[in-house]
Amino acid sequence: MNRKQKKTFESIFSNPVNGNLEWTLIEALLVAAGCRVIEGSGSSAMFEKDGLRAYFHRRHPGKEALKYRVRLAREYLEEIGMTP
């Protein structure tokens, strides 16, 4: 994990939840964590690691991940064993 991904990781686990975090940064972090991206129809994507899956709908036209997506990403990271 590079420095930018570590900063994203810290932002995801910060309180209160950061709703201004760019979705592309979260996606890059999940890939760096070893997740496989499976593209769905439209703007949906599934991330899979060790049989554990998370489904997300990418934000458009904006680029910020809304708070609920950040919370879901946090829960998925905890599920795959990545905690601060």
PDB file of N, CA and C in Angstrom:
ATOM      1  N   MET A   1       0.842  -1.168   0.000  1.00  0.00           N
ATOM      2  CA  MET A   1       0.000   0.000   0.000  1.00  0.00           C
ATOM      3  C   MET A   1       0.899   1.246   0.000  1.00  0.00           C
ATOM      4  N   ASN A   2       0.608   2.167  -0.921  1.00  0.00           N
ATOM      5  CA  ASN A   2       1.423   3.375  -0.968  1.00  0.00           C
ATOM      6  C   ASN A   2       0.885   4.434   0.002  1.00  0.00           C
ATOM      7  N   ARG A   3       1.553   5.578   0.056  1.00  0.00           N
ATOM      8  CA  ARG A   3       1.209   6.620   1.015  1.00  0.00           C
ATOM      9  C   ARG A   3      -0.208   7.171   0.787  1.00  0.00           C
ATOM     10  N   LYS A   4      -0.569   7.343  -0.466  1.00  0.00           N
ATOM     11  CA  LYS A   4      -1.901   7.861  -0.793  1.00  0.00           C
ATOM     12  C   LYS A   4      -2.987   6.887  -0.340  1.00  0.00           C
ATOM     13  N   GLN A   5      -2.737   5.606  -0.522  1.00  0.00           N
ATOM     14  CA  GLN A   5      -3.705   4.588  -0.108  1.00  0.00           C
ATOM     15  C   GLN A   5      -3.798   4.518   1.419  1.00  0.00           C
ATOM     16  N   LYS A   6      -2.682   4.700   2.103  1.00  0.00           N
ATOM     17  CA  LYS A   6      -2.705   4.720   3.568  1.00  0.00           C
ATOM     18  C   LYS A   6      -3.528   5.904   4.074  1.00  0.00           C
ATOM     19  N   LYS A   7      -3.400   7.051   3.409  1.00  0.00           N
ATOM     20  CA  LYS A   7      -4.170   8.234   3.783  1.00  0.00           C
ATOM     21  C   LYS A   7      -5.662   7.988   3.548  1.00  0.00           C
ATOM     22  N   THR A   8      -5.994   7.331   2.448  1.00  0.00           N
ATOM     23  CA  THR A   8      -7.384   6.984   2.163  1.00  0.00           C
ATOM     24  C   THR A   8      -7.910   6.039   3.234  1.00  0.00           C
ATOM     25  N   PHE A   9      -7.116   5.047   3.604  1.00  0.00           N
ATOM     26  CA  PHE A   9      -7.488   4.083   4.645  1.00  0.00           C
ATOM     27  C   PHE A   9      -7.804   4.809   5.948  1.00  0.00           C
ATOM     28  N   GLU A  10      -6.944   5.743   6.330  1.00  0.00           N
ATOM     29  CA  GLU A  10      -7.162   6.509   7.556  1.00  0.00           C
ATOM     30  C   GLU A  10      -8.437   7.351   7.462  1.00  0.00           C
ATOM     31  N   SER A  11      -8.696   7.921   6.284  1.00  0.00           N
ATOM     32  CA  SER A  11      -9.906   8.731   6.084  1.00  0.00           C
ATOM     33  C   SER A  11     -11.168   7.893   6.195  1.00  0.00           C
ATOM     34  N   ILE A  12     -11.125   6.677   5.680  1.00  0.00           N
ATOM     35  CA  ILE A  12     -12.288   5.796   5.748  1.00  0.00           C
ATOM     36  C   ILE A  12     -12.624   5.463   7.200  1.00  0.00           C
ATOM     37  N   PHE A  13     -11.615   5.306   8.037  1.00  0.00           N
ATOM     38  CA  PHE A  13     -11.843   4.936   9.428  1.00  0.00           C
ATOM     39  C   PHE A  13     -11.916   6.139  10.372  1.00  0.00           C
ATOM     40  N   SER A  14     -11.929   7.351   9.817  1.00  0.00           N
ATOM     41  CA  SER A  14     -12.023   8.535  10.669  1.00  0.00           C
ATOM     42  C   SER A  14     -13.470   8.766  11.099  1.00  0.00           C
ATOM     43  N   ASN A  15     -13.621   9.453  12.210  1.00  0.00           N
ATOM     44  CA  ASN A  15     -14.942   9.848  12.695  1.00  0.00           C
ATOM     45  C   ASN A  15     -14.951  11.346  12.892  1.00  0.00           C
ATOM     46  N   PRO A  16     -15.968  12.054  12.453  1.00  0.00           N
ATOM     47  CA  PRO A  16     -17.142  11.564  11.737  1.00  0.00           C
ATOM     48  C   PRO A  16     -16.771  11.097  10.332  1.00  0.00           C
ATOM     49  N   VAL A  17     -17.685  10.365   9.712  1.00  0.00           N
ATOM     50  CA  VAL A  17     -17.442   9.793   8.390  1.00  0.00           C
ATOM     51  C   VAL A  17     -17.232  10.915   7.376  1.00  0.00           C
ATOM     52  N   ASN A  18     -16.193  10.762   6.555  1.00  0.00           N
ATOM     53  CA  ASN A  18     -15.847  11.744   5.529  1.00  0.00           C
ATOM     54  C   ASN A  18     -16.666  11.483   4.267  1.00  0.00           C
ATOM     55  N   GLY A  19     -17.573  12.367   3.934  1.00  0.00           N
ATOM     56  CA  GLY A  19     -18.393  12.220   2.734  1.00  0.00           C
ATOM     57  C   GLY A  19     -17.801  12.882   1.511  1.00  0.00           C
ATOM     58  N   ASN A  20     -16.605  13.491   1.639  1.00  0.00           N
ATOM     59  CA  ASN A  20     -15.961  14.163   0.514  1.00  0.00           C
ATOM     60  C   ASN A  20     -14.824  13.362  -0.091  1.00  0.00           C
ATOM     61  N   LEU A  21     -14.698  12.126   0.293  1.00  0.00           N
ATOM     62  CA  LEU A  21     -13.641  11.252  -0.201  1.00  0.00           C
ATOM     63  C   LEU A  21     -13.977  10.794  -1.616  1.00  0.00           C
ATOM     64  N   GLU A  22     -13.033  10.890  -2.519  1.00  0.00           N
ATOM     65  CA  GLU A  22     -13.289  10.483  -3.902  1.00  0.00           C
ATOM     66  C   GLU A  22     -13.417   8.965  -4.000  1.00  0.00           C
ATOM     67  N   TRP A  23     -14.411   8.533  -4.747  1.00  0.00           N
ATOM     68  CA  TRP A  23     -14.662   7.094  -4.902  1.00  0.00           C
ATOM     69  C   TRP A  23     -13.472   6.389  -5.526  1.00  0.00           C
ATOM     70  N   THR A  24     -12.796   7.021  -6.481  1.00  0.00           N
ATOM     71  CA  THR A  24     -11.664   6.370  -7.154  1.00  0.00           C
ATOM     72  C   THR A  24     -10.553   6.024  -6.162  1.00  0.00           C
ATOM     73  N   LEU A  25     -10.402   6.839  -5.108  1.00  0.00           N
ATOM     74  CA  LEU A  25      -9.387   6.545  -4.089  1.00  0.00           C
ATOM     75  C   LEU A  25      -9.771   5.304  -3.287  1.00  0.00           C
ATOM     76  N   ILE A  26     -11.053   5.169  -2.980  1.00  0.00           N
ATOM     77  CA  ILE A  26     -11.526   3.990  -2.253  1.00  0.00           C
ATOM     78  C   ILE A  26     -11.341   2.745  -3.109  1.00  0.00           C
ATOM     79  N   GLU A  27     -11.684   2.873  -4.386  1.00  0.00           N
ATOM     80  CA  GLU A  27     -11.529   1.743  -5.299  1.00  0.00           C
ATOM     81  C   GLU A  27     -10.062   1.317  -5.405  1.00  0.00           C
ATOM     82  N   ALA A  28      -9.147   2.284  -5.500  1.00  0.00           N
ATOM     83  CA  ALA A  28      -7.714   1.981  -5.580  1.00  0.00           C
ATOM     84  C   ALA A  28      -7.234   1.290  -4.308  1.00  0.00           C
ATOM     85  N   LEU A  29      -7.752   1.701  -3.165  1.00  0.00           N
ATOM     86  CA  LEU A  29      -7.392   1.070  -1.895  1.00  0.00           C
ATOM     87  C   LEU A  29      -7.856  -0.379  -1.858  1.00  0.00           C
ATOM     88  N   LEU A  30      -9.079  -0.627  -2.295  1.00  0.00           N
ATOM     89  CA  LEU A  30      -9.598  -1.992  -2.297  1.00  0.00           C
ATOM     90  C   LEU A  30      -8.774  -2.896  -3.214  1.00  0.00           C
ATOM     91  N   VAL A  31      -8.368  -2.369  -4.348  1.00  0.00           N
ATOM     92  CA  VAL A  31      -7.524  -3.152  -5.267  1.00  0.00           C
ATOM     93  C   VAL A  31      -6.158  -3.413  -4.629  1.00  0.00           C
ATOM     94  N   ALA A  32      -5.593  -2.393  -3.981  1.00  0.00           N
ATOM     95  CA  ALA A  32      -4.300  -2.565  -3.309  1.00  0.00           C
ATOM     96  C   ALA A  32      -4.395  -3.575  -2.168  1.00  0.00           C
ATOM     97  N   ALA A  33      -5.592  -3.706  -1.587  1.00  0.00           N
ATOM     98  CA  ALA A  33      -5.804  -4.665  -0.499  1.00  0.00           C
ATOM     99  C   ALA A  33      -5.960  -6.086  -1.022  1.00  0.00           C
ATOM    100  N   GLY A  34      -5.930  -6.238  -2.343  1.00  0.00           N
ATOM    101  CA  GLY A  34      -6.006  -7.572  -2.928  1.00  0.00           C
ATOM    102  C   GLY A  34      -7.377  -7.949  -3.448  1.00  0.00           C
ATOM    103  N   CYS A  35      -8.282  -6.995  -3.506  1.00  0.00           N
ATOM    104  CA  CYS A  35      -9.626  -7.280  -4.012  1.00  0.00           C
ATOM    105  C   CYS A  35      -9.635  -7.320  -5.536  1.00  0.00           C
ATOM    106  N   ARG A  36     -10.471  -8.181  -6.034  1.00  0.00           N
ATOM    107  CA  ARG A  36     -10.672  -8.288  -7.480  1.00  0.00           C
ATOM    108  C   ARG A  36     -11.928  -7.496  -7.806  1.00  0.00           C
ATOM    109  N   VAL A  37     -11.858  -6.676  -8.875  1.00  0.00           N
ATOM    110  CA  VAL A  37     -12.998  -5.878  -9.298  1.00  0.00           C
ATOM    111  C   VAL A  37     -13.740  -6.637 -10.387  1.00  0.00           C
ATOM    112  N   ILE A  38     -15.041  -6.806 -10.181  1.00  0.00           N
ATOM    113  CA  ILE A  38     -15.888  -7.440 -11.184  1.00  0.00           C
ATOM    114  C   ILE A  38     -16.912  -6.401 -11.600  1.00  0.00           C
ATOM    115  N   GLU A  39     -16.785  -5.946 -12.846  1.00  0.00           N
ATOM    116  CA  GLU A  39     -17.670  -4.904 -13.348  1.00  0.00           C
ATOM    117  C   GLU A  39     -19.077  -5.444 -13.535  1.00  0.00           C
ATOM    118  N   GLY A  40     -20.050  -4.664 -13.093  1.00  0.00           N
ATOM    119  CA  GLY A  40     -21.445  -5.017 -13.284  1.00  0.00           C
ATOM    120  C   GLY A  40     -22.027  -4.184 -14.407  1.00  0.00           C
ATOM    121  N   SER A  41     -23.316  -4.211 -14.528  1.00  0.00           N
ATOM    122  CA  SER A  41     -23.943  -3.407 -15.561  1.00  0.00           C
ATOM    123  C   SER A  41     -24.016  -1.953 -15.104  1.00  0.00           C
ATOM    124  N   GLY A  42     -23.906  -1.055 -16.052  1.00  0.00           N
ATOM    125  CA  GLY A  42     -23.944   0.368 -15.723  1.00  0.00           C
ATOM    126  C   GLY A  42     -22.764   0.773 -14.878  1.00  0.00           C
ATOM    127  N   SER A  43     -23.047   1.401 -13.749  1.00  0.00           N
ATOM    128  CA  SER A  43     -21.969   1.895 -12.896  1.00  0.00           C
ATOM    129  C   SER A  43     -21.795   1.058 -11.632  1.00  0.00           C
ATOM    130  N   SER A  44     -22.250  -0.165 -11.657  1.00  0.00           N
ATOM    131  CA  SER A  44     -22.093  -1.023 -10.481  1.00  0.00           C
ATOM    132  C   SER A  44     -20.792  -1.829 -10.567  1.00  0.00           C
ATOM    133  N   ALA A  45     -20.265  -2.132  -9.409  1.00  0.00           N
ATOM    134  CA  ALA A  45     -19.035  -2.923  -9.341  1.00  0.00           C
ATOM    135  C   ALA A  45     -19.093  -3.811  -8.099  1.00  0.00           C
ATOM    136  N   MET A  46     -18.492  -4.971  -8.223  1.00  0.00           N
ATOM    137  CA  MET A  46     -18.396  -5.885  -7.100  1.00  0.00           C
ATOM    138  C   MET A  46     -16.912  -6.084  -6.795  1.00  0.00           C
ATOM    139  N   PHE A  47     -16.582  -6.102  -5.525  1.00  0.00           N
ATOM    140  CA  PHE A  47     -15.220  -6.359  -5.085  1.00  0.00           C
ATOM    141  C   PHE A  47     -15.239  -7.689  -4.355  1.00  0.00           C
ATOM    142  N   GLU A  48     -14.239  -8.533  -4.658  1.00  0.00           N
ATOM    143  CA  GLU A  48     -14.204  -9.872  -4.086  1.00  0.00           C
ATOM    144  C   GLU A  48     -12.806 -10.184  -3.592  1.00  0.00           C
ATOM    145  N   LYS A  49     -12.752 -10.710  -2.385  1.00  0.00           N
ATOM    146  CA  LYS A  49     -11.478 -11.176  -1.831  1.00  0.00           C
ATOM    147  C   LYS A  49     -11.779 -12.353  -0.911  1.00  0.00           C
ATOM    148  N   ASP A  50     -11.119 -13.455  -1.167  1.00  0.00           N
ATOM    149  CA  ASP A  50     -11.257 -14.656  -0.344  1.00  0.00           C
ATOM    150  C   ASP A  50     -12.721 -15.077  -0.169  1.00  0.00           C
ATOM    151  N   GLY A  51     -13.492 -14.929  -1.218  1.00  0.00           N
ATOM    152  CA  GLY A  51     -14.890 -15.326  -1.181  1.00  0.00           C
ATOM    153  C   GLY A  51     -15.834 -14.311  -0.557  1.00  0.00           C
ATOM    154  N   LEU A  52     -15.292 -13.246  -0.001  1.00  0.00           N
ATOM    155  CA  LEU A  52     -16.116 -12.191   0.585  1.00  0.00           C
ATOM    156  C   LEU A  52     -16.362 -11.126  -0.468  1.00  0.00           C
ATOM    157  N   ARG A  53     -17.619 -10.737  -0.631  1.00  0.00           N
ATOM    158  CA  ARG A  53     -17.976  -9.808  -1.699  1.00  0.00           C
ATOM    159  C   ARG A  53     -18.672  -8.567  -1.163  1.00  0.00           C
ATOM    160  N   ALA A  54     -18.457  -7.461  -1.874  1.00  0.00           N
ATOM    161  CA  ALA A  54     -19.158  -6.208  -1.577  1.00  0.00           C
ATOM    162  C   ALA A  54     -19.591  -5.604  -2.904  1.00  0.00           C
ATOM    163  N   TYR A  55     -20.812  -5.105  -2.936  1.00  0.00           N
ATOM    164  CA  TYR A  55     -21.371  -4.497  -4.133  1.00  0.00           C
ATOM    165  C   TYR A  55     -21.499  -3.000  -3.915  1.00  0.00           C
ATOM    166  N   PHE A  56     -21.072  -2.244  -4.904  1.00  0.00           N
ATOM    167  CA  PHE A  56     -21.147  -0.787  -4.835  1.00  0.00           C
ATOM    168  C   PHE A  56     -21.693  -0.236  -6.143  1.00  0.00           C
ATOM    169  N   HIS A  57     -22.349   0.895  -6.035  1.00  0.00           N
ATOM    170  CA  HIS A  57     -22.797   1.630  -7.206  1.00  0.00           C
ATOM    171  C   HIS A  57     -21.931   2.874  -7.263  1.00  0.00           C
ATOM    172  N   ARG A  58     -21.168   3.030  -8.331  1.00  0.00           N
ATOM    173  CA  ARG A  58     -20.248   4.159  -8.440  1.00  0.00           C
ATOM    174  C   ARG A  58     -21.021   5.470  -8.561  1.00  0.00           C
ATOM    175  N   ARG A  59     -20.494   6.466  -7.962  1.00  0.00           N
ATOM    176  CA  ARG A  59     -21.106   7.800  -7.979  1.00  0.00           C
ATOM    177  C   ARG A  59     -20.929   8.429  -9.352  1.00  0.00           C
ATOM    178  N   HIS A  60     -22.008   8.991  -9.869  1.00  0.00           N
ATOM    179  CA  HIS A  60     -21.915   9.769 -11.107  1.00  0.00           C
ATOM    180  C   HIS A  60     -23.047  10.768 -11.122  1.00  0.00           C
ATOM    181  N   PRO A  61     -22.937  11.927 -11.640  1.00  0.00           N
ATOM    182  CA  PRO A  61     -21.769  12.462 -12.315  1.00  0.00           C
ATOM    183  C   PRO A  61     -20.694  12.944 -11.337  1.00  0.00           C
ATOM    184  N   GLY A  62     -21.035  13.097 -10.057  1.00  0.00           N
ATOM    185  CA  GLY A  62     -20.048  13.532  -9.076  1.00  0.00           C
ATOM    186  C   GLY A  62     -19.006  12.467  -8.817  1.00  0.00           C
ATOM    187  N   LYS A  63     -17.925  12.858  -8.141  1.00  0.00           N
ATOM    188  CA  LYS A  63     -16.862  11.887  -7.891  1.00  0.00           C
ATOM    189  C   LYS A  63     -16.698  11.548  -6.411  1.00  0.00           C
ATOM    190  N   GLU A  64     -17.430  12.249  -5.533  1.00  0.00           N
ATOM    191  CA  GLU A  64     -17.308  11.985  -4.104  1.00  0.00           C
ATOM    192  C   GLU A  64     -18.123  10.752  -3.711  1.00  0.00           C
ATOM    193  N   ALA A  65     -17.563   9.998  -2.813  1.00  0.00           N
ATOM    194  CA  ALA A  65     -18.299   8.858  -2.245  1.00  0.00           C
ATOM    195  C   ALA A  65     -19.157   9.428  -1.131  1.00  0.00           C
ATOM    196  N   LEU A  66     -20.415   9.156  -1.155  1.00  0.00           N
ATOM    197  CA  LEU A  66     -21.285   9.640  -0.099  1.00  0.00           C
ATOM    198  C   LEU A  66     -20.993   8.880   1.195  1.00  0.00           C
ATOM    199  N   LYS A  67     -21.444   9.427   2.304  1.00  0.00           N
ATOM    200  CA  LYS A  67     -21.118   8.850   3.611  1.00  0.00           C
ATOM    201  C   LYS A  67     -21.503   7.377   3.719  1.00  0.00           C
ATOM    202  N   TYR A  68     -22.643   7.018   3.162  1.00  0.00           N
ATOM    203  CA  TYR A  68     -23.055   5.613   3.297  1.00  0.00           C
ATOM    204  C   TYR A  68     -22.119   4.686   2.532  1.00  0.00           C
ATOM    205  N   ARG A  69     -21.550   5.152   1.414  1.00  0.00           N
ATOM    206  CA  ARG A  69     -20.592   4.315   0.680  1.00  0.00           C
ATOM    207  C   ARG A  69     -19.292   4.172   1.460  1.00  0.00           C
ATOM    208  N   VAL A  70     -18.881   5.243   2.110  1.00  0.00           N
ATOM    209  CA  VAL A  70     -17.666   5.186   2.939  1.00  0.00           C
ATOM    210  C   VAL A  70     -17.890   4.199   4.092  1.00  0.00           C
ATOM    211  N   ARG A  71     -19.071   4.234   4.702  1.00  0.00           N
ATOM    212  CA  ARG A  71     -19.387   3.284   5.784  1.00  0.00           C
ATOM    213  C   ARG A  71     -19.372   1.841   5.275  1.00  0.00           C
ATOM    214  N   LEU A  72     -19.947   1.632   4.089  1.00  0.00           N
ATOM    215  CA  LEU A  72     -19.949   0.282   3.503  1.00  0.00           C
ATOM    216  C   LEU A  72     -18.530  -0.178   3.196  1.00  0.00           C
ATOM    217  N   ALA A  73     -17.690   0.723   2.696  1.00  0.00           N
ATOM    218  CA  ALA A  73     -16.295   0.378   2.415  1.00  0.00           C
ATOM    219  C   ALA A  73     -15.574   0.032   3.713  1.00  0.00           C
ATOM    220  N   ARG A  74     -15.850   0.783   4.774  1.00  0.00           N
ATOM    221  CA  ARG A  74     -15.248   0.509   6.085  1.00  0.00           C
ATOM    222  C   ARG A  74     -15.649  -0.883   6.573  1.00  0.00           C
ATOM    223  N   GLU A  75     -16.939  -1.186   6.472  1.00  0.00           N
ATOM    224  CA  GLU A  75     -17.416  -2.498   6.905  1.00  0.00           C
ATOM    225  C   GLU A  75     -16.778  -3.626   6.102  1.00  0.00           C
ATOM    226  N   TYR A  76     -16.631  -3.417   4.794  1.00  0.00           N
ATOM    227  CA  TYR A  76     -16.023  -4.446   3.956  1.00  0.00           C
ATOM    228  C   TYR A  76     -14.544  -4.624   4.300  1.00  0.00           C
ATOM    229  N   LEU A  77     -13.838  -3.527   4.513  1.00  0.00           N
ATOM    230  CA  LEU A  77     -12.419  -3.614   4.903  1.00  0.00           C
ATOM    231  C   LEU A  77     -12.272  -4.378   6.216  1.00  0.00           C
ATOM    232  N   GLU A  78     -13.158  -4.114   7.168  1.00  0.00           N
ATOM    233  CA  GLU A  78     -13.114  -4.848   8.435  1.00  0.00           C
ATOM    234  C   GLU A  78     -13.398  -6.331   8.200  1.00  0.00           C
ATOM    235  N   GLU A  79     -14.338  -6.624   7.299  1.00  0.00           N
ATOM    236  CA  GLU A  79     -14.711  -8.001   7.012  1.00  0.00           C
ATOM    237  C   GLU A  79     -13.539  -8.791   6.416  1.00  0.00           C
ATOM    238  N   ILE A  80     -12.727  -8.115   5.585  1.00  0.00           N
ATOM    239  CA  ILE A  80     -11.582  -8.821   4.975  1.00  0.00           C
ATOM    240  C   ILE A  80     -10.331  -8.737   5.851  1.00  0.00           C
ATOM    241  N   GLY A  81     -10.480  -8.186   7.053  1.00  0.00           N
ATOM    242  CA  GLY A  81      -9.371  -8.212   8.012  1.00  0.00           C
ATOM    243  C   GLY A  81      -8.479  -6.990   8.027  1.00  0.00           C
ATOM    244  N   MET A  82      -8.913  -5.902   7.414  1.00  0.00           N
ATOM    245  CA  MET A  82      -8.103  -4.679   7.419  1.00  0.00           C
ATOM    246  C   MET A  82      -8.717  -3.685   8.404  1.00  0.00           C
ATOM    247  N   THR A  83      -8.065  -3.527   9.516  1.00  0.00           N
ATOM    248  CA  THR A  83      -8.508  -2.569  10.520  1.00  0.00           C
ATOM    249  C   THR A  83      -7.335  -1.687  10.913  1.00  0.00           C
ATOM    250  N   PRO A  84      -7.636  -0.477  11.385  1.00  0.00           N
ATOM    251  CA  PRO A  84      -6.519   0.421  11.778  1.00  0.00           C
ATOM    252  C   PRO A  84      -5.833  -0.042  13.043  1.00  0.00           C
TER     253      PRO A  84
END
